[in-house]
């Protein structure tokens, strides 16, 4: 079966990289979820390590059927023919689950945000191990004060501890992509600030970064009425650009936004 460009399919076939990914954590006796298993190359390596169970979520109808046939005699494996973005993950995640994903480049950030939006926090999963296009990975990892710092790193670091693991050559995939990939692992933070809905942090960071090179003054007026704007103007330097605000400032703005709305 030839990979579908519409689904962003690039099948990982390099066994050294596959083993390296699985060996980032101990899967023995653990509940596993794999997003976009494709042909099951990573799945086979996980199964060799004796997990307690493994849920496979595959959008492609043909691949999903092939996976169901491939693992029909293995009681540990359950295959779901679903789009991960609409799949009800929270009902399927067991305590201390480990979640793997060689994510389609075109929706990788949306998948990551889905895990940040889970209602129960700390969540049931203990570790996420995802592969991204390197450029996207750099935006996720981007530290304050660097060129890659922005919305995605602010959102991710609010709820997750982030660790870059290693880069992956295009030659490890079929078809060969035009870009490098990067594997990142994430662990949930047990304590987060008092933001009620991460969607509000998404909204505020989106509005402020919509004028990336401009002072935040005008965009802050889109978020607050005059009274609240005047109050926050005494707390934050509004002549700064969004990239000059530390993550903690975005979190405090969000807390205040939730308080007055």
C-alpha atoms as a PDB file:
ATOM      1  CA  UNK A   1       0.000   0.000   0.000  1.00  0.00           C
ATOM      2  CA  UNK A   2       1.390   3.383  -1.043  1.00  0.00           C
ATOM      3  CA  UNK A   3       1.260   6.081   1.679  1.00  0.00           C
ATOM      4  CA  UNK A   4      -1.495   8.684   1.340  1.00  0.00           C
ATOM      5  CA  UNK A   5      -0.276  12.257   1.025  1.00  0.00           C
ATOM      6  CA  UNK A   6      -3.673  13.560   2.206  1.00  0.00           C
ATOM      7  CA  UNK A   7      -3.135  11.870   5.591  1.00  0.00           C
ATOM      8  CA  UNK A   8       0.484  12.979   5.872  1.00  0.00           C
ATOM      9  CA  UNK A   9       1.663   9.368   5.897  1.00  0.00           C
ATOM     10  CA  UNK A  10       5.404   8.696   6.147  1.00  0.00           C
ATOM     11  CA  UNK A  11       6.092   5.181   7.389  1.00  0.00           C
ATOM     12  CA  UNK A  12       9.054   4.759   9.736  1.00  0.00           C
ATOM     13  CA  UNK A  13      11.017   1.677   8.699  1.00  0.00           C
ATOM     14  CA  UNK A  14      14.481   2.077  10.283  1.00  0.00           C
ATOM     15  CA  UNK A  15      14.668  -0.572  13.030  1.00  0.00           C
ATOM     16  CA  UNK A  16      17.451   1.232  14.910  1.00  0.00           C
ATOM     17  CA  UNK A  17      15.249   4.325  15.275  1.00  0.00           C
ATOM     18  CA  UNK A  18      12.186   2.215  16.140  1.00  0.00           C
ATOM     19  CA  UNK A  19      14.114   0.476  18.945  1.00  0.00           C
ATOM     20  CA  UNK A  20      15.542   3.808  20.096  1.00  0.00           C
ATOM     21  CA  UNK A  21      12.030   5.297  20.416  1.00  0.00           C
ATOM     22  CA  UNK A  22      10.603   2.360  22.362  1.00  0.00           C
ATOM     23  CA  UNK A  23      13.658   2.257  24.648  1.00  0.00           C
ATOM     24  CA  UNK A  24      13.030   5.857  25.768  1.00  0.00           C
ATOM     25  CA  UNK A  25      10.748   4.425  28.446  1.00  0.00           C
ATOM     26  CA  UNK A  26       9.864   1.118  30.079  1.00  0.00           C
ATOM     27  CA  UNK A  27       6.725  -0.289  28.444  1.00  0.00           C
ATOM     28  CA  UNK A  28       6.737  -3.661  30.214  1.00  0.00           C
ATOM     29  CA  UNK A  29       3.440  -4.204  32.038  1.00  0.00           C
ATOM     30  CA  UNK A  30       2.169  -0.753  31.000  1.00  0.00           C
ATOM     31  CA  UNK A  31      -0.932   0.384  29.113  1.00  0.00           C
ATOM     32  CA  UNK A  32       0.090   1.791  25.739  1.00  0.00           C
ATOM     33  CA  UNK A  33      -1.702   3.952  23.173  1.00  0.00           C
ATOM     34  CA  UNK A  34      -0.215   4.419  19.711  1.00  0.00           C
ATOM     35  CA  UNK A  35      -1.445   7.155  17.385  1.00  0.00           C
ATOM     36  CA  UNK A  36      -1.105   6.425  13.677  1.00  0.00           C
ATOM     37  CA  UNK A  37       0.520   2.973  13.870  1.00  0.00           C
ATOM     38  CA  UNK A  38       0.493   2.603  10.079  1.00  0.00           C
ATOM     39  CA  UNK A  39       1.852  -0.833   9.245  1.00  0.00           C
ATOM     40  CA  UNK A  40       2.626  -1.713  12.855  1.00  0.00           C
ATOM     41  CA  UNK A  41       6.440  -1.468  12.841  1.00  0.00           C
ATOM     42  CA  UNK A  42       6.576   0.415  16.151  1.00  0.00           C
ATOM     43  CA  UNK A  43       3.695  -1.703  17.469  1.00  0.00           C
ATOM     44  CA  UNK A  44       5.665  -4.914  16.938  1.00  0.00           C
ATOM     45  CA  UNK A  45       8.633  -3.546  18.878  1.00  0.00           C
ATOM     46  CA  UNK A  46       6.356  -2.423  21.739  1.00  0.00           C
ATOM     47  CA  UNK A  47       4.703  -5.855  21.868  1.00  0.00           C
ATOM     48  CA  UNK A  48       8.137  -7.499  22.092  1.00  0.00           C
ATOM     49  CA  UNK A  49       8.625  -5.568  25.348  1.00  0.00           C
ATOM     50  CA  UNK A  50       5.491  -7.171  26.879  1.00  0.00           C
ATOM     51  CA  UNK A  51       3.081  -4.280  27.623  1.00  0.00           C
ATOM     52  CA  UNK A  52      -0.140  -4.918  29.541  1.00  0.00           C
ATOM     53  CA  UNK A  53      -2.313  -3.611  26.692  1.00  0.00           C
ATOM     54  CA  UNK A  54      -2.027  -1.536  23.557  1.00  0.00           C
ATOM     55  CA  UNK A  55      -4.652   0.612  21.842  1.00  0.00           C
ATOM     56  CA  UNK A  56      -3.996   1.493  18.202  1.00  0.00           C
ATOM     57  CA  UNK A  57      -5.765   4.538  16.729  1.00  0.00           C
ATOM     58  CA  UNK A  58      -5.542   4.549  12.933  1.00  0.00           C
ATOM     59  CA  UNK A  59      -7.578   6.850  10.677  1.00  0.00           C
ATOM     60  CA  UNK A  60      -6.777   5.084   7.400  1.00  0.00           C
ATOM     61  CA  UNK A  61      -9.517   2.507   6.719  1.00  0.00           C
ATOM     62  CA  UNK A  62      -7.302   0.071   4.827  1.00  0.00           C
ATOM     63  CA  UNK A  63      -4.451   0.206   7.338  1.00  0.00           C
ATOM     64  CA  UNK A  64      -6.906  -0.162  10.215  1.00  0.00           C
ATOM     65  CA  UNK A  65      -8.356  -3.352   8.678  1.00  0.00           C
ATOM     66  CA  UNK A  66      -4.862  -4.729   8.062  1.00  0.00           C
ATOM     67  CA  UNK A  67      -3.879  -4.039  11.663  1.00  0.00           C
ATOM     68  CA  UNK A  68      -7.045  -5.762  12.906  1.00  0.00           C
ATOM     69  CA  UNK A  69      -6.165  -8.838  10.850  1.00  0.00           C
ATOM     70  CA  UNK A  70      -2.484  -8.726  11.845  1.00  0.00           C
ATOM     71  CA  UNK A  71      -3.246  -8.670  15.579  1.00  0.00           C
ATOM     72  CA  UNK A  72      -6.556 -10.573  15.654  1.00  0.00           C
ATOM     73  CA  UNK A  73      -5.075 -13.345  17.841  1.00  0.00           C
ATOM     74  CA  UNK A  74      -3.421 -10.960  20.293  1.00  0.00           C
ATOM     75  CA  UNK A  75      -5.794 -10.137  23.153  1.00  0.00           C
ATOM     76  CA  UNK A  76      -3.615  -7.240  24.296  1.00  0.00           C
ATOM     77  CA  UNK A  77      -4.287  -5.258  21.113  1.00  0.00           C
ATOM     78  CA  UNK A  78      -7.378  -3.176  20.321  1.00  0.00           C
ATOM     79  CA  UNK A  79      -7.615  -1.336  17.004  1.00  0.00           C
ATOM     80  CA  UNK A  80      -9.783   1.764  16.540  1.00  0.00           C
ATOM     81  CA  UNK A  81     -10.461   3.097  13.055  1.00  0.00           C
ATOM     82  CA  UNK A  82     -10.765   6.749  14.140  1.00  0.00           C
ATOM     83  CA  UNK A  83      -9.428  10.232  13.582  1.00  0.00           C
ATOM     84  CA  UNK A  84      -7.401  11.065  16.711  1.00  0.00           C
ATOM     85  CA  UNK A  85      -8.702  14.669  16.669  1.00  0.00           C
ATOM     86  CA  UNK A  86     -12.304  13.515  17.191  1.00  0.00           C
ATOM     87  CA  UNK A  87     -11.546  10.382  19.230  1.00  0.00           C
ATOM     88  CA  UNK A  88     -12.683  10.434  22.888  1.00  0.00           C
ATOM     89  CA  UNK A  89      -9.256   9.834  24.374  1.00  0.00           C
ATOM     90  CA  UNK A  90     -10.089  10.486  27.997  1.00  0.00           C
ATOM     91  CA  UNK A  91     -12.329   7.406  28.185  1.00  0.00           C
ATOM     92  CA  UNK A  92      -9.598   5.131  26.804  1.00  0.00           C
ATOM     93  CA  UNK A  93      -6.552   6.281  28.787  1.00  0.00           C
ATOM     94  CA  UNK A  94      -5.698   3.976  31.685  1.00  0.00           C
ATOM     95  CA  UNK A  95      -3.633   5.045  34.692  1.00  0.00           C
ATOM     96  CA  UNK A  96       0.022   5.718  33.852  1.00  0.00           C
ATOM     97  CA  UNK A  97      -0.512   5.046  30.156  1.00  0.00           C
ATOM     98  CA  UNK A  98       2.366   5.693  27.762  1.00  0.00           C
ATOM     99  CA  UNK A  99       1.376   7.263  24.453  1.00  0.00           C
ATOM    100  CA  UNK A 100       3.455   7.000  21.278  1.00  0.00           C
ATOM    101  CA  UNK A 101       2.863   8.803  18.009  1.00  0.00           C
ATOM    102  CA  UNK A 102       4.682   9.309  14.734  1.00  0.00           C
ATOM    103  CA  UNK A 103       2.382  12.256  14.077  1.00  0.00           C
ATOM    104  CA  UNK A 104       1.215  13.468  10.650  1.00  0.00           C
ATOM    105  CA  UNK A 105       3.061  16.743  10.098  1.00  0.00           C
ATOM    106  CA  UNK A 106      -0.086  18.622   9.009  1.00  0.00           C
ATOM    107  CA  UNK A 107      -1.987  18.080  12.285  1.00  0.00           C
ATOM    108  CA  UNK A 108       0.802  17.426  14.807  1.00  0.00           C
ATOM    109  CA  UNK A 109       0.291  20.650  16.784  1.00  0.00           C
ATOM    110  CA  UNK A 110      -3.479  20.016  16.951  1.00  0.00           C
ATOM    111  CA  UNK A 111      -2.835  16.538  18.376  1.00  0.00           C
ATOM    112  CA  UNK A 112      -0.481  17.941  21.020  1.00  0.00           C
ATOM    113  CA  UNK A 113      -3.027  20.613  22.020  1.00  0.00           C
ATOM    114  CA  UNK A 114      -5.691  17.893  22.340  1.00  0.00           C
ATOM    115  CA  UNK A 115      -3.608  16.332  25.126  1.00  0.00           C
ATOM    116  CA  UNK A 116      -3.181  19.721  26.793  1.00  0.00           C
ATOM    117  CA  UNK A 117      -6.969  20.204  26.796  1.00  0.00           C
ATOM    118  CA  UNK A 118      -7.812  17.024  28.724  1.00  0.00           C
ATOM    119  CA  UNK A 119     -10.272  17.922  31.492  1.00  0.00           C
ATOM    120  CA  UNK A 120      -8.699  15.819  34.245  1.00  0.00           C
ATOM    121  CA  UNK A 121      -5.306  17.120  35.385  1.00  0.00           C
ATOM    122  CA  UNK A 122      -2.889  15.624  36.205  1.00  0.00           C
ATOM    123  CA  UNK A 123      -4.012  13.289  33.399  1.00  0.00           C
ATOM    124  CA  UNK A 124      -3.908   9.513  33.495  1.00  0.00           C
ATOM    125  CA  UNK A 125      -1.048   9.267  31.012  1.00  0.00           C
ATOM    126  CA  UNK A 126       2.481   9.361  32.415  1.00  0.00           C
ATOM    127  CA  UNK A 127       4.460   9.966  29.222  1.00  0.00           C
ATOM    128  CA  UNK A 128       3.954  11.169  25.657  1.00  0.00           C
ATOM    129  CA  UNK A 129       6.583  10.242  23.071  1.00  0.00           C
ATOM    130  CA  UNK A 130       5.853  12.038  19.793  1.00  0.00           C
ATOM    131  CA  UNK A 131       7.695  12.599  16.544  1.00  0.00           C
ATOM    132  CA  UNK A 132       7.313  15.986  14.845  1.00  0.00           C
ATOM    133  CA  UNK A 133       8.726  17.788  11.857  1.00  0.00           C
ATOM    134  CA  UNK A 134      11.927  19.365  13.226  1.00  0.00           C
ATOM    135  CA  UNK A 135      10.709  22.926  12.617  1.00  0.00           C
ATOM    136  CA  UNK A 136       7.573  22.229  14.656  1.00  0.00           C
ATOM    137  CA  UNK A 137       9.644  20.576  17.386  1.00  0.00           C
ATOM    138  CA  UNK A 138      11.811  23.691  17.654  1.00  0.00           C
ATOM    139  CA  UNK A 139       8.689  25.804  18.208  1.00  0.00           C
ATOM    140  CA  UNK A 140       7.510  23.442  20.958  1.00  0.00           C
ATOM    141  CA  UNK A 141      10.884  23.483  22.697  1.00  0.00           C
ATOM    142  CA  UNK A 142      11.531  27.207  22.030  1.00  0.00           C
ATOM    143  CA  UNK A 143      12.783  28.940  25.155  1.00  0.00           C
ATOM    144  CA  UNK A 144      12.025  32.509  26.174  1.00  0.00           C
ATOM    145  CA  UNK A 145      14.563  34.823  24.570  1.00  0.00           C
ATOM    146  CA  UNK A 146      15.114  32.671  21.466  1.00  0.00           C
ATOM    147  CA  UNK A 147      13.721  33.109  17.934  1.00  0.00           C
ATOM    148  CA  UNK A 148      11.571  29.961  18.238  1.00  0.00           C
ATOM    149  CA  UNK A 149       9.799  31.138  21.399  1.00  0.00           C
ATOM    150  CA  UNK A 150       6.075  31.611  20.846  1.00  0.00           C
ATOM    151  CA  UNK A 151       2.523  30.386  21.389  1.00  0.00           C
ATOM    152  CA  UNK A 152       3.230  26.673  21.129  1.00  0.00           C
ATOM    153  CA  UNK A 153       6.038  26.634  23.682  1.00  0.00           C
ATOM    154  CA  UNK A 154       3.988  28.820  26.056  1.00  0.00           C
ATOM    155  CA  UNK A 155       1.000  26.463  25.844  1.00  0.00           C
ATOM    156  CA  UNK A 156       3.036  23.271  26.077  1.00  0.00           C
ATOM    157  CA  UNK A 157       5.240  24.345  28.962  1.00  0.00           C
ATOM    158  CA  UNK A 158       2.220  25.408  30.995  1.00  0.00           C
ATOM    159  CA  UNK A 159       1.186  21.776  31.505  1.00  0.00           C
ATOM    160  CA  UNK A 160       4.085  19.582  30.379  1.00  0.00           C
ATOM    161  CA  UNK A 161       7.760  19.048  31.079  1.00  0.00           C
ATOM    162  CA  UNK A 162       9.404  18.846  27.655  1.00  0.00           C
ATOM    163  CA  UNK A 163      12.548  16.961  26.648  1.00  0.00           C
ATOM    164  CA  UNK A 164      14.055  16.797  23.174  1.00  0.00           C
ATOM    165  CA  UNK A 165      15.320  13.242  22.582  1.00  0.00           C
ATOM    166  CA  UNK A 166      16.890  13.067  19.108  1.00  0.00           C
ATOM    167  CA  UNK A 167      16.552  14.013  15.442  1.00  0.00           C
ATOM    168  CA  UNK A 168      15.592  11.479  12.771  1.00  0.00           C
ATOM    169  CA  UNK A 169      16.905  11.479   9.200  1.00  0.00           C
ATOM    170  CA  UNK A 170      14.408  11.602   6.294  1.00  0.00           C
ATOM    171  CA  UNK A 171      15.990   8.363   5.024  1.00  0.00           C
ATOM    172  CA  UNK A 172      14.386   6.474   7.910  1.00  0.00           C
ATOM    173  CA  UNK A 173      10.936   6.892   6.306  1.00  0.00           C
ATOM    174  CA  UNK A 174       8.993   5.805   3.247  1.00  0.00           C
ATOM    175  CA  UNK A 175       8.282   7.914   1.320  1.00  0.00           C
ATOM    176  CA  UNK A 176      11.315  10.049   2.177  1.00  0.00           C
ATOM    177  CA  UNK A 177      10.127  13.438   3.520  1.00  0.00           C
ATOM    178  CA  UNK A 178      11.957  16.648   2.609  1.00  0.00           C
ATOM    179  CA  UNK A 179      12.612  17.562   6.242  1.00  0.00           C
ATOM    180  CA  UNK A 180      14.255  16.237   9.378  1.00  0.00           C
ATOM    181  CA  UNK A 181      12.076  14.907  12.188  1.00  0.00           C
ATOM    182  CA  UNK A 182      12.530  15.172  15.946  1.00  0.00           C
ATOM    183  CA  UNK A 183      11.391  12.896  18.767  1.00  0.00           C
ATOM    184  CA  UNK A 184      10.227  14.693  21.922  1.00  0.00           C
ATOM    185  CA  UNK A 185       9.018  13.207  25.201  1.00  0.00           C
ATOM    186  CA  UNK A 186       6.596  14.969  27.541  1.00  0.00           C
ATOM    187  CA  UNK A 187       5.623  14.366  31.150  1.00  0.00           C
ATOM    188  CA  UNK A 188       2.619  16.074  32.792  1.00  0.00           C
ATOM    189  CA  UNK A 189       3.304  18.664  35.462  1.00  0.00           C
ATOM    190  CA  UNK A 190       1.533  17.697  38.666  1.00  0.00           C
ATOM    191  CA  UNK A 191       1.059  21.329  39.710  1.00  0.00           C
ATOM    192  CA  UNK A 192      -0.083  24.040  37.332  1.00  0.00           C
ATOM    193  CA  UNK A 193      -1.245  27.626  37.911  1.00  0.00           C
ATOM    194  CA  UNK A 194      -4.862  28.597  38.450  1.00  0.00           C
ATOM    195  CA  UNK A 195      -5.963  28.846  34.825  1.00  0.00           C
ATOM    196  CA  UNK A 196      -9.418  27.281  34.589  1.00  0.00           C
ATOM    197  CA  UNK A 197      -9.433  26.651  30.847  1.00  0.00           C
ATOM    198  CA  UNK A 198      -6.338  26.306  28.699  1.00  0.00           C
ATOM    199  CA  UNK A 199      -8.508  27.553  25.810  1.00  0.00           C
ATOM    200  CA  UNK A 200      -8.282  31.000  27.416  1.00  0.00           C
ATOM    201  CA  UNK A 201      -4.486  30.828  27.358  1.00  0.00           C
ATOM    202  CA  UNK A 202      -4.768  29.768  23.696  1.00  0.00           C
ATOM    203  CA  UNK A 203      -6.994  32.781  22.987  1.00  0.00           C
ATOM    204  CA  UNK A 204      -4.770  35.321  24.752  1.00  0.00           C
ATOM    205  CA  UNK A 205      -1.510  34.047  23.268  1.00  0.00           C
ATOM    206  CA  UNK A 206      -3.151  33.960  19.825  1.00  0.00           C
ATOM    207  CA  UNK A 207      -4.393  37.563  20.044  1.00  0.00           C
ATOM    208  CA  UNK A 208      -1.112  38.921  21.405  1.00  0.00           C
ATOM    209  CA  UNK A 209       1.058  37.028  18.905  1.00  0.00           C
ATOM    210  CA  UNK A 210      -1.176  38.133  16.009  1.00  0.00           C
ATOM    211  CA  UNK A 211       0.922  41.278  16.125  1.00  0.00           C
ATOM    212  CA  UNK A 212       4.216  39.529  16.739  1.00  0.00           C
ATOM    213  CA  UNK A 213       6.410  42.553  15.995  1.00  0.00           C
ATOM    214  CA  UNK A 214       4.085  45.124  17.523  1.00  0.00           C
ATOM    215  CA  UNK A 215       3.686  46.328  21.088  1.00  0.00           C
ATOM    216  CA  UNK A 216       0.994  44.425  22.998  1.00  0.00           C
ATOM    217  CA  UNK A 217      -0.835  47.667  23.881  1.00  0.00           C
ATOM    218  CA  UNK A 218      -3.451  47.581  21.077  1.00  0.00           C
ATOM    219  CA  UNK A 219      -4.127  43.854  21.251  1.00  0.00           C
ATOM    220  CA  UNK A 220      -4.592  43.990  25.031  1.00  0.00           C
ATOM    221  CA  UNK A 221      -7.464  46.420  24.421  1.00  0.00           C
ATOM    222  CA  UNK A 222      -9.204  43.635  22.453  1.00  0.00           C
ATOM    223  CA  UNK A 223      -9.167  41.493  25.609  1.00  0.00           C
ATOM    224  CA  UNK A 224     -10.188  43.948  28.339  1.00  0.00           C
ATOM    225  CA  UNK A 225     -12.622  46.809  28.932  1.00  0.00           C
ATOM    226  CA  UNK A 226     -11.185  50.220  29.886  1.00  0.00           C
ATOM    227  CA  UNK A 227     -11.333  49.665  33.640  1.00  0.00           C
ATOM    228  CA  UNK A 228      -9.589  46.284  33.497  1.00  0.00           C
ATOM    229  CA  UNK A 229      -7.147  47.512  30.868  1.00  0.00           C
ATOM    230  CA  UNK A 230      -6.140  50.428  33.107  1.00  0.00           C
ATOM    231  CA  UNK A 231      -5.634  48.024  36.011  1.00  0.00           C
ATOM    232  CA  UNK A 232      -3.409  45.663  34.039  1.00  0.00           C
ATOM    233  CA  UNK A 233      -1.504  48.584  32.494  1.00  0.00           C
ATOM    234  CA  UNK A 234      -0.144  49.276  35.988  1.00  0.00           C
ATOM    235  CA  UNK A 235       1.034  45.678  36.304  1.00  0.00           C
ATOM    236  CA  UNK A 236       2.563  44.946  32.888  1.00  0.00           C
ATOM    237  CA  UNK A 237       4.744  46.980  30.548  1.00  0.00           C
ATOM    238  CA  UNK A 238       2.459  47.367  27.510  1.00  0.00           C
ATOM    239  CA  UNK A 239       5.193  48.730  25.251  1.00  0.00           C
ATOM    240  CA  UNK A 240       6.723  45.232  25.083  1.00  0.00           C
ATOM    241  CA  UNK A 241       6.289  42.894  22.126  1.00  0.00           C
ATOM    242  CA  UNK A 242       4.717  39.455  22.772  1.00  0.00           C
ATOM    243  CA  UNK A 243       8.053  37.673  22.347  1.00  0.00           C
ATOM    244  CA  UNK A 244       9.439  39.850  25.170  1.00  0.00           C
ATOM    245  CA  UNK A 245       6.891  38.547  27.673  1.00  0.00           C
ATOM    246  CA  UNK A 246       7.966  35.575  29.784  1.00  0.00           C
ATOM    247  CA  UNK A 247       5.554  32.590  29.868  1.00  0.00           C
ATOM    248  CA  UNK A 248       4.603  33.472  33.454  1.00  0.00           C
ATOM    249  CA  UNK A 249       3.248  36.832  32.245  1.00  0.00           C
ATOM    250  CA  UNK A 250       0.952  35.110  29.738  1.00  0.00           C
ATOM    251  CA  UNK A 251      -0.298  32.857  32.547  1.00  0.00           C
ATOM    252  CA  UNK A 252      -0.978  35.840  34.835  1.00  0.00           C
ATOM    253  CA  UNK A 253      -2.802  37.730  32.059  1.00  0.00           C
ATOM    254  CA  UNK A 254      -4.955  34.634  31.489  1.00  0.00           C
ATOM    255  CA  UNK A 255      -5.766  34.318  35.201  1.00  0.00           C
ATOM    256  CA  UNK A 256      -6.833  37.963  35.303  1.00  0.00           C
ATOM    257  CA  UNK A 257      -8.865  37.552  32.092  1.00  0.00           C
ATOM    258  CA  UNK A 258     -10.763  34.616  33.637  1.00  0.00           C
ATOM    259  CA  UNK A 259     -11.322  36.601  36.833  1.00  0.00           C
ATOM    260  CA  UNK A 260     -13.005  39.548  35.060  1.00  0.00           C
ATOM    261  CA  UNK A 261     -14.976  37.562  32.467  1.00  0.00           C
END
